[in-house]
Amino acid sequence: MRVRQPDMLRGEDSYLIRPYVLTPEERRERRTQRGRRRALWLAVHGYDAGPRWIHGVEVVG
């Protein structure tokens, strides 16, 4: 009985991408979201920390 060798894996055929490797755009989006969440948390606790721009309009506080 002959054993068949497995085919070589090709990177472009596989979806084995590490989920923690982010593109620069994804890093920017996450940093922005983290800032919004931090500002919301601070506002809930009585501190005014931003955001300075809401829907493209500068908010003066």
N, C-alpha and C. Protein backbone atom coordinates (compact mmCIF):
# COMPACT_ATOMS: atom_id res chain seq x y z
N MET A 1 0.85 -1.18 0.00
CA MET A 1 0.00 0.00 0.00
C MET A 1 0.89 1.24 0.00
N ARG A 2 0.60 2.17 -0.85
CA ARG A 2 1.40 3.37 -1.01
C ARG A 2 0.74 4.55 -0.29
N VAL A 3 1.53 5.30 0.49
CA VAL A 3 1.02 6.46 1.21
C VAL A 3 1.15 7.69 0.32
N ARG A 4 0.08 8.43 0.20
CA ARG A 4 0.07 9.63 -0.64
C ARG A 4 0.62 10.81 0.16
N GLN A 5 1.53 11.55 -0.43
CA GLN A 5 2.08 12.74 0.21
C GLN A 5 1.04 13.86 0.17
N PRO A 6 0.90 14.61 1.27
CA PRO A 6 -0.06 15.72 1.26
C PRO A 6 0.41 16.83 0.32
N ASP A 7 -0.55 17.52 -0.26
CA ASP A 7 -0.22 18.65 -1.14
C ASP A 7 0.39 19.78 -0.31
N MET A 8 1.20 20.57 -0.96
CA MET A 8 1.82 21.71 -0.30
C MET A 8 0.75 22.78 -0.03
N LEU A 9 0.84 23.40 1.13
CA LEU A 9 -0.08 24.49 1.45
C LEU A 9 0.43 25.78 0.81
N ARG A 10 -0.48 26.49 0.20
CA ARG A 10 -0.13 27.78 -0.39
C ARG A 10 -0.77 28.88 0.45
N GLY A 11 -0.02 29.93 0.69
CA GLY A 11 -0.51 31.02 1.52
C GLY A 11 -1.77 31.68 1.00
N GLU A 12 -1.85 31.82 -0.32
CA GLU A 12 -3.03 32.49 -0.88
C GLU A 12 -4.29 31.63 -0.84
N ASP A 13 -4.14 30.33 -0.56
CA ASP A 13 -5.30 29.45 -0.45
C ASP A 13 -5.77 29.31 0.99
N SER A 14 -5.07 29.89 1.93
CA SER A 14 -5.36 29.69 3.34
C SER A 14 -5.83 30.99 3.99
N TYR A 15 -6.69 30.85 4.97
CA TYR A 15 -7.18 32.00 5.71
C TYR A 15 -6.53 32.07 7.09
N LEU A 16 -5.34 31.51 7.22
CA LEU A 16 -4.66 31.47 8.51
C LEU A 16 -3.91 32.77 8.74
N ILE A 17 -4.64 33.84 8.97
CA ILE A 17 -4.04 35.14 9.25
C ILE A 17 -4.25 35.42 10.72
N ARG A 18 -3.20 35.85 11.37
CA ARG A 18 -3.31 36.14 12.80
C ARG A 18 -4.27 37.30 13.01
N PRO A 19 -5.28 37.12 13.85
CA PRO A 19 -6.29 38.16 14.03
C PRO A 19 -5.76 39.41 14.71
N TYR A 20 -4.63 39.32 15.41
CA TYR A 20 -4.11 40.48 16.11
C TYR A 20 -3.19 41.32 15.23
N VAL A 21 -2.94 40.91 14.00
CA VAL A 21 -2.15 41.70 13.07
C VAL A 21 -3.13 42.65 12.38
N LEU A 22 -2.97 43.94 12.61
CA LEU A 22 -3.91 44.92 12.09
C LEU A 22 -3.25 45.79 11.03
N THR A 23 -4.07 46.24 10.09
CA THR A 23 -3.58 47.20 9.12
C THR A 23 -3.52 48.57 9.80
N PRO A 24 -2.77 49.51 9.25
CA PRO A 24 -2.72 50.85 9.84
C PRO A 24 -4.10 51.50 9.96
N GLU A 25 -4.96 51.25 8.98
CA GLU A 25 -6.32 51.81 9.04
C GLU A 25 -7.11 51.22 10.21
N GLU A 26 -6.99 49.90 10.42
CA GLU A 26 -7.68 49.26 11.54
C GLU A 26 -7.15 49.79 12.87
N ARG A 27 -5.84 50.02 12.96
CA ARG A 27 -5.26 50.58 14.18
C ARG A 27 -5.83 51.96 14.47
N ARG A 28 -5.93 52.81 13.41
CA ARG A 28 -6.50 54.15 13.58
C ARG A 28 -7.94 54.08 14.05
N GLU A 29 -8.73 53.20 13.42
CA GLU A 29 -10.14 53.06 13.81
C GLU A 29 -10.28 52.62 15.26
N ARG A 30 -9.47 51.65 15.67
CA ARG A 30 -9.54 51.17 17.06
C ARG A 30 -9.09 52.24 18.04
N ARG A 31 -8.05 53.00 17.68
CA ARG A 31 -7.58 54.08 18.56
C ARG A 31 -8.66 55.16 18.72
N THR A 32 -9.32 55.49 17.60
CA THR A 32 -10.40 56.48 17.64
C THR A 32 -11.56 55.98 18.50
N GLN A 33 -11.94 54.71 18.31
CA GLN A 33 -13.03 54.13 19.10
C GLN A 33 -12.67 54.10 20.57
N ARG A 34 -11.42 53.75 20.89
CA ARG A 34 -10.98 53.72 22.29
C ARG A 34 -11.08 55.11 22.91
N GLY A 35 -10.73 56.15 22.14
CA GLY A 35 -10.84 57.52 22.63
C GLY A 35 -12.28 57.92 22.90
N ARG A 36 -13.18 57.52 22.01
CA ARG A 36 -14.61 57.83 22.22
C ARG A 36 -15.14 57.13 23.45
N ARG A 37 -14.76 55.86 23.62
CA ARG A 37 -15.23 55.12 24.79
C ARG A 37 -14.68 55.73 26.08
N ARG A 38 -13.41 56.14 26.06
CA ARG A 38 -12.81 56.76 27.24
C ARG A 38 -13.53 58.06 27.58
N ALA A 39 -13.82 58.88 26.55
CA ALA A 39 -14.53 60.14 26.77
C ALA A 39 -15.92 59.88 27.35
N LEU A 40 -16.60 58.86 26.85
CA LEU A 40 -17.93 58.53 27.38
C LEU A 40 -17.84 58.08 28.83
N TRP A 41 -16.86 57.23 29.14
CA TRP A 41 -16.70 56.75 30.51
C TRP A 41 -16.42 57.92 31.45
N LEU A 42 -15.55 58.83 31.03
CA LEU A 42 -15.24 60.00 31.86
C LEU A 42 -16.48 60.89 32.03
N ALA A 43 -17.27 61.06 30.96
CA ALA A 43 -18.47 61.89 31.05
C ALA A 43 -19.48 61.28 32.03
N VAL A 44 -19.59 59.97 32.03
CA VAL A 44 -20.50 59.30 32.96
C VAL A 44 -20.09 59.58 34.41
N HIS A 45 -18.77 59.73 34.62
CA HIS A 45 -18.26 59.98 35.97
C HIS A 45 -18.06 61.46 36.26
N GLY A 46 -18.56 62.34 35.37
CA GLY A 46 -18.57 63.76 35.65
C GLY A 46 -17.40 64.56 35.12
N TYR A 47 -16.59 64.00 34.25
CA TYR A 47 -15.45 64.73 33.69
C TYR A 47 -15.70 65.01 32.22
N ASP A 48 -15.47 66.26 31.80
CA ASP A 48 -15.63 66.63 30.40
C ASP A 48 -14.30 66.45 29.69
N ALA A 49 -14.20 65.44 28.83
CA ALA A 49 -12.93 65.15 28.16
C ALA A 49 -13.05 65.12 26.64
N GLY A 50 -14.19 65.43 26.08
CA GLY A 50 -14.30 65.41 24.62
C GLY A 50 -15.50 64.59 24.21
N PRO A 51 -15.69 64.31 23.01
CA PRO A 51 -14.86 64.65 21.87
C PRO A 51 -15.01 66.10 21.46
N ARG A 52 -14.06 66.61 20.77
CA ARG A 52 -14.09 68.01 20.33
C ARG A 52 -14.85 68.19 19.03
N TRP A 53 -14.96 67.13 18.25
CA TRP A 53 -15.70 67.18 17.00
C TRP A 53 -16.81 66.14 17.04
N ILE A 54 -18.04 66.57 16.79
CA ILE A 54 -19.18 65.67 16.73
C ILE A 54 -19.87 65.87 15.39
N HIS A 55 -19.92 64.83 14.60
CA HIS A 55 -20.52 64.86 13.26
C HIS A 55 -19.94 65.98 12.41
N GLY A 56 -18.63 66.19 12.50
CA GLY A 56 -17.95 67.17 11.67
C GLY A 56 -18.06 68.60 12.15
N VAL A 57 -18.70 68.82 13.30
CA VAL A 57 -18.85 70.17 13.84
C VAL A 57 -18.04 70.27 15.12
N GLU A 58 -17.23 71.33 15.23
CA GLU A 58 -16.43 71.49 16.43
C GLU A 58 -17.32 71.91 17.60
N VAL A 59 -17.15 71.21 18.72
CA VAL A 59 -17.92 71.49 19.91
C VAL A 59 -17.05 72.30 20.86
N VAL A 60 -17.52 73.47 21.23
CA VAL A 60 -16.76 74.31 22.14
C VAL A 60 -17.32 74.09 23.53
N GLY A 61 -16.44 73.74 24.46
CA GLY A 61 -16.92 73.43 25.80
C GLY A 61 -16.24 74.26 26.77
